[in-house]
């Protein structure tokens, strides 16, 4: 478990936030696409 201080430092790191946002966006897009493929069959 990462300490709270380390966690807050991570969230001040813009590169980390950008990477996390990109990863989340890709994950959401992948789920969205898979959902549509499943529903179209």
PDB file of N, CA and C in Angstrom:
ATOM      1  N   UNK A   1       0.845  -1.201   0.000  1.00  0.00           N
ATOM      2  CA  UNK A   1       0.000   0.000   0.000  1.00  0.00           C
ATOM      3  C   UNK A   1       0.880   1.249   0.000  1.00  0.00           C
ATOM      4  N   UNK A   2       0.596   2.126  -0.943  1.00  0.00           N
ATOM      5  CA  UNK A   2       1.375   3.364  -1.044  1.00  0.00           C
ATOM      6  C   UNK A   2       0.910   4.345   0.021  1.00  0.00           C
ATOM      7  N   UNK A   3       1.856   4.968   0.700  1.00  0.00           N
ATOM      8  CA  UNK A   3       1.498   5.950   1.723  1.00  0.00           C
ATOM      9  C   UNK A   3       0.757   7.141   1.125  1.00  0.00           C
ATOM     10  N   UNK A   4      -0.026   7.797   1.953  1.00  0.00           N
ATOM     11  CA  UNK A   4      -0.851   8.917   1.491  1.00  0.00           C
ATOM     12  C   UNK A   4       0.006  10.053   0.932  1.00  0.00           C
ATOM     13  N   UNK A   5       1.148  10.306   1.557  1.00  0.00           N
ATOM     14  CA  UNK A   5       2.036  11.373   1.076  1.00  0.00           C
ATOM     15  C   UNK A   5       2.552  11.061  -0.326  1.00  0.00           C
ATOM     16  N   UNK A   6       2.968   9.808  -0.527  1.00  0.00           N
ATOM     17  CA  UNK A   6       3.453   9.387  -1.843  1.00  0.00           C
ATOM     18  C   UNK A   6       2.350   9.519  -2.879  1.00  0.00           C
ATOM     19  N   UNK A   7       1.144   9.175  -2.468  1.00  0.00           N
ATOM     20  CA  UNK A   7      -0.015   9.240  -3.348  1.00  0.00           C
ATOM     21  C   UNK A   7      -0.269  10.684  -3.774  1.00  0.00           C
ATOM     22  N   UNK A   8      -0.187  11.607  -2.815  1.00  0.00           N
ATOM     23  CA  UNK A   8      -0.409  13.026  -3.127  1.00  0.00           C
ATOM     24  C   UNK A   8       0.689  13.555  -4.040  1.00  0.00           C
ATOM     25  N   UNK A   9       1.925  13.079  -3.846  1.00  0.00           N
ATOM     26  CA  UNK A   9       3.019  13.483  -4.736  1.00  0.00           C
ATOM     27  C   UNK A   9       2.761  13.003  -6.160  1.00  0.00           C
ATOM     28  N   UNK A  10       2.248  11.772  -6.281  1.00  0.00           N
ATOM     29  CA  UNK A  10       1.921  11.237  -7.598  1.00  0.00           C
ATOM     30  C   UNK A  10       0.898  12.116  -8.296  1.00  0.00           C
ATOM     31  N   UNK A  11      -0.105  12.564  -7.538  1.00  0.00           N
ATOM     32  CA  UNK A  11      -1.167  13.358  -8.143  1.00  0.00           C
ATOM     33  C   UNK A  11      -0.731  14.783  -8.455  1.00  0.00           C
ATOM     34  N   UNK A  12       0.421  15.194  -7.919  1.00  0.00           N
ATOM     35  CA  UNK A  12       0.969  16.495  -8.310  1.00  0.00           C
ATOM     36  C   UNK A  12       1.815  16.353  -9.573  1.00  0.00           C
ATOM     37  N   UNK A  13       2.140  15.110  -9.933  1.00  0.00           N
ATOM     38  CA  UNK A  13       2.990  14.841 -11.090  1.00  0.00           C
ATOM     39  C   UNK A  13       2.141  14.869 -12.357  1.00  0.00           C
ATOM     40  N   UNK A  14       2.338  15.898 -13.191  1.00  0.00           N
ATOM     41  CA  UNK A  14       1.500  16.072 -14.376  1.00  0.00           C
ATOM     42  C   UNK A  14       1.680  14.956 -15.388  1.00  0.00           C
ATOM     43  N   UNK A  15       2.902  14.440 -15.514  1.00  0.00           N
ATOM     44  CA  UNK A  15       3.150  13.346 -16.454  1.00  0.00           C
ATOM     45  C   UNK A  15       2.356  12.112 -16.044  1.00  0.00           C
ATOM     46  N   UNK A  16       2.315  11.845 -14.744  1.00  0.00           N
ATOM     47  CA  UNK A  16       1.548  10.707 -14.231  1.00  0.00           C
ATOM     48  C   UNK A  16       0.063  10.894 -14.500  1.00  0.00           C
ATOM     49  N   UNK A  17      -0.448  12.101 -14.227  1.00  0.00           N
ATOM     50  CA  UNK A  17      -1.865  12.386 -14.458  1.00  0.00           C
ATOM     51  C   UNK A  17      -2.225  12.230 -15.925  1.00  0.00           C
ATOM     52  N   UNK A  18      -1.353  12.712 -16.806  1.00  0.00           N
ATOM     53  CA  UNK A  18      -1.598  12.616 -18.244  1.00  0.00           C
ATOM     54  C   UNK A  18      -1.628  11.159 -18.678  1.00  0.00           C
ATOM     55  N   UNK A  19      -0.668  10.369 -18.190  1.00  0.00           N
ATOM     56  CA  UNK A  19      -0.619   8.943 -18.532  1.00  0.00           C
ATOM     57  C   UNK A  19      -1.863   8.225 -18.022  1.00  0.00           C
ATOM     58  N   UNK A  20      -2.283   8.549 -16.805  1.00  0.00           N
ATOM     59  CA  UNK A  20      -3.456   7.909 -16.218  1.00  0.00           C
ATOM     60  C   UNK A  20      -4.711   8.283 -16.997  1.00  0.00           C
ATOM     61  N   UNK A  21      -4.804   9.560 -17.398  1.00  0.00           N
ATOM     62  CA  UNK A  21      -5.964  10.012 -18.155  1.00  0.00           C
ATOM     63  C   UNK A  21      -6.024   9.321 -19.515  1.00  0.00           C
ATOM     64  N   UNK A  22      -4.873   9.189 -20.173  1.00  0.00           N
ATOM     65  CA  UNK A  22      -4.828   8.499 -21.467  1.00  0.00           C
ATOM     66  C   UNK A  22      -5.224   7.039 -21.327  1.00  0.00           C
ATOM     67  N   UNK A  23      -4.729   6.391 -20.268  1.00  0.00           N
ATOM     68  CA  UNK A  23      -5.051   4.982 -20.029  1.00  0.00           C
ATOM     69  C   UNK A  23      -6.541   4.805 -19.770  1.00  0.00           C
ATOM     70  N   UNK A  24      -7.099   5.675 -18.931  1.00  0.00           N
ATOM     71  CA  UNK A  24      -8.534   5.622 -18.639  1.00  0.00           C
ATOM     72  C   UNK A  24      -9.355   5.837 -19.899  1.00  0.00           C
ATOM     73  N   UNK A  25      -8.946   6.793 -20.719  1.00  0.00           N
ATOM     74  CA  UNK A  25      -9.663   7.094 -21.953  1.00  0.00           C
ATOM     75  C   UNK A  25      -9.660   5.885 -22.882  1.00  0.00           C
ATOM     76  N   UNK A  26      -8.494   5.242 -23.031  1.00  0.00           N
ATOM     77  CA  UNK A  26      -8.384   4.062 -23.888  1.00  0.00           C
ATOM     78  C   UNK A  26      -9.228   2.920 -23.353  1.00  0.00           C
ATOM     79  N   UNK A  27      -9.253   2.752 -22.046  1.00  0.00           N
ATOM     80  CA  UNK A  27     -10.042   1.700 -21.414  1.00  0.00           C
ATOM     81  C   UNK A  27     -11.530   1.922 -21.667  1.00  0.00           C
ATOM     82  N   UNK A  28     -11.977   3.161 -21.475  1.00  0.00           N
ATOM     83  CA  UNK A  28     -13.387   3.491 -21.701  1.00  0.00           C
ATOM     84  C   UNK A  28     -13.757   3.285 -23.168  1.00  0.00           C
ATOM     85  N   UNK A  29     -12.888   3.707 -24.085  1.00  0.00           N
ATOM     86  CA  UNK A  29     -13.154   3.528 -25.514  1.00  0.00           C
ATOM     87  C   UNK A  29     -13.237   2.050 -25.872  1.00  0.00           C
ATOM     88  N   UNK A  30     -12.329   1.241 -25.317  1.00  0.00           N
ATOM     89  CA  UNK A  30     -12.328  -0.196 -25.597  1.00  0.00           C
ATOM     90  C   UNK A  30     -13.624  -0.838 -25.107  1.00  0.00           C
ATOM     91  N   UNK A  31     -14.061  -0.486 -23.905  1.00  0.00           N
ATOM     92  CA  UNK A  31     -15.303  -1.027 -23.348  1.00  0.00           C
ATOM     93  C   UNK A  31     -16.492  -0.592 -24.203  1.00  0.00           C
ATOM     94  N   UNK A  32     -16.507   0.674 -24.605  1.00  0.00           N
ATOM     95  CA  UNK A  32     -17.578   1.230 -25.433  1.00  0.00           C
ATOM     96  C   UNK A  32     -17.688   0.475 -26.759  1.00  0.00           C
ATOM     97  N   UNK A  33     -16.528   0.251 -27.412  1.00  0.00           N
ATOM     98  CA  UNK A  33     -16.498  -0.459 -28.697  1.00  0.00           C
ATOM     99  C   UNK A  33     -16.949  -1.904 -28.524  1.00  0.00           C
ATOM    100  N   UNK A  34     -16.444  -2.587 -27.503  1.00  0.00           N
ATOM    101  CA  UNK A  34     -16.836  -3.981 -27.259  1.00  0.00           C
ATOM    102  C   UNK A  34     -18.328  -4.093 -26.988  1.00  0.00           C
ATOM    103  N   UNK A  35     -18.868  -3.129 -26.254  1.00  0.00           N
ATOM    104  CA  UNK A  35     -20.296  -3.104 -25.934  1.00  0.00           C
ATOM    105  C   UNK A  35     -21.126  -2.984 -27.214  1.00  0.00           C
ATOM    106  N   UNK A  36     -20.687  -2.121 -28.124  1.00  0.00           N
ATOM    107  CA  UNK A  36     -21.413  -1.940 -29.382  1.00  0.00           C
ATOM    108  C   UNK A  36     -21.323  -3.171 -30.270  1.00  0.00           C
ATOM    109  N   UNK A  37     -20.134  -3.794 -30.315  1.00  0.00           N
ATOM    110  CA  UNK A  37     -19.969  -5.014 -31.115  1.00  0.00           C
ATOM    111  C   UNK A  37     -20.904  -6.099 -30.589  1.00  0.00           C
ATOM    112  N   UNK A  38     -20.980  -6.224 -29.268  1.00  0.00           N
ATOM    113  CA  UNK A  38     -21.836  -7.240 -28.648  1.00  0.00           C
ATOM    114  C   UNK A  38     -23.308  -6.977 -28.971  1.00  0.00           C
ATOM    115  N   UNK A  39     -23.712  -5.730 -28.936  1.00  0.00           N
ATOM    116  CA  UNK A  39     -25.114  -5.389 -29.164  1.00  0.00           C
ATOM    117  C   UNK A  39     -25.520  -5.467 -30.630  1.00  0.00           C
ATOM    118  N   UNK A  40     -24.561  -5.333 -31.545  1.00  0.00           N
ATOM    119  CA  UNK A  40     -24.897  -5.333 -32.967  1.00  0.00           C
ATOM    120  C   UNK A  40     -25.074  -6.730 -33.541  1.00  0.00           C
ATOM    121  N   UNK A  41     -24.639  -7.748 -32.811  1.00  0.00           N
ATOM    122  CA  UNK A  41     -24.756  -9.115 -33.329  1.00  0.00           C
ATOM    123  C   UNK A  41     -26.172  -9.641 -33.170  1.00  0.00           C
TER     124      UNK A  41
END
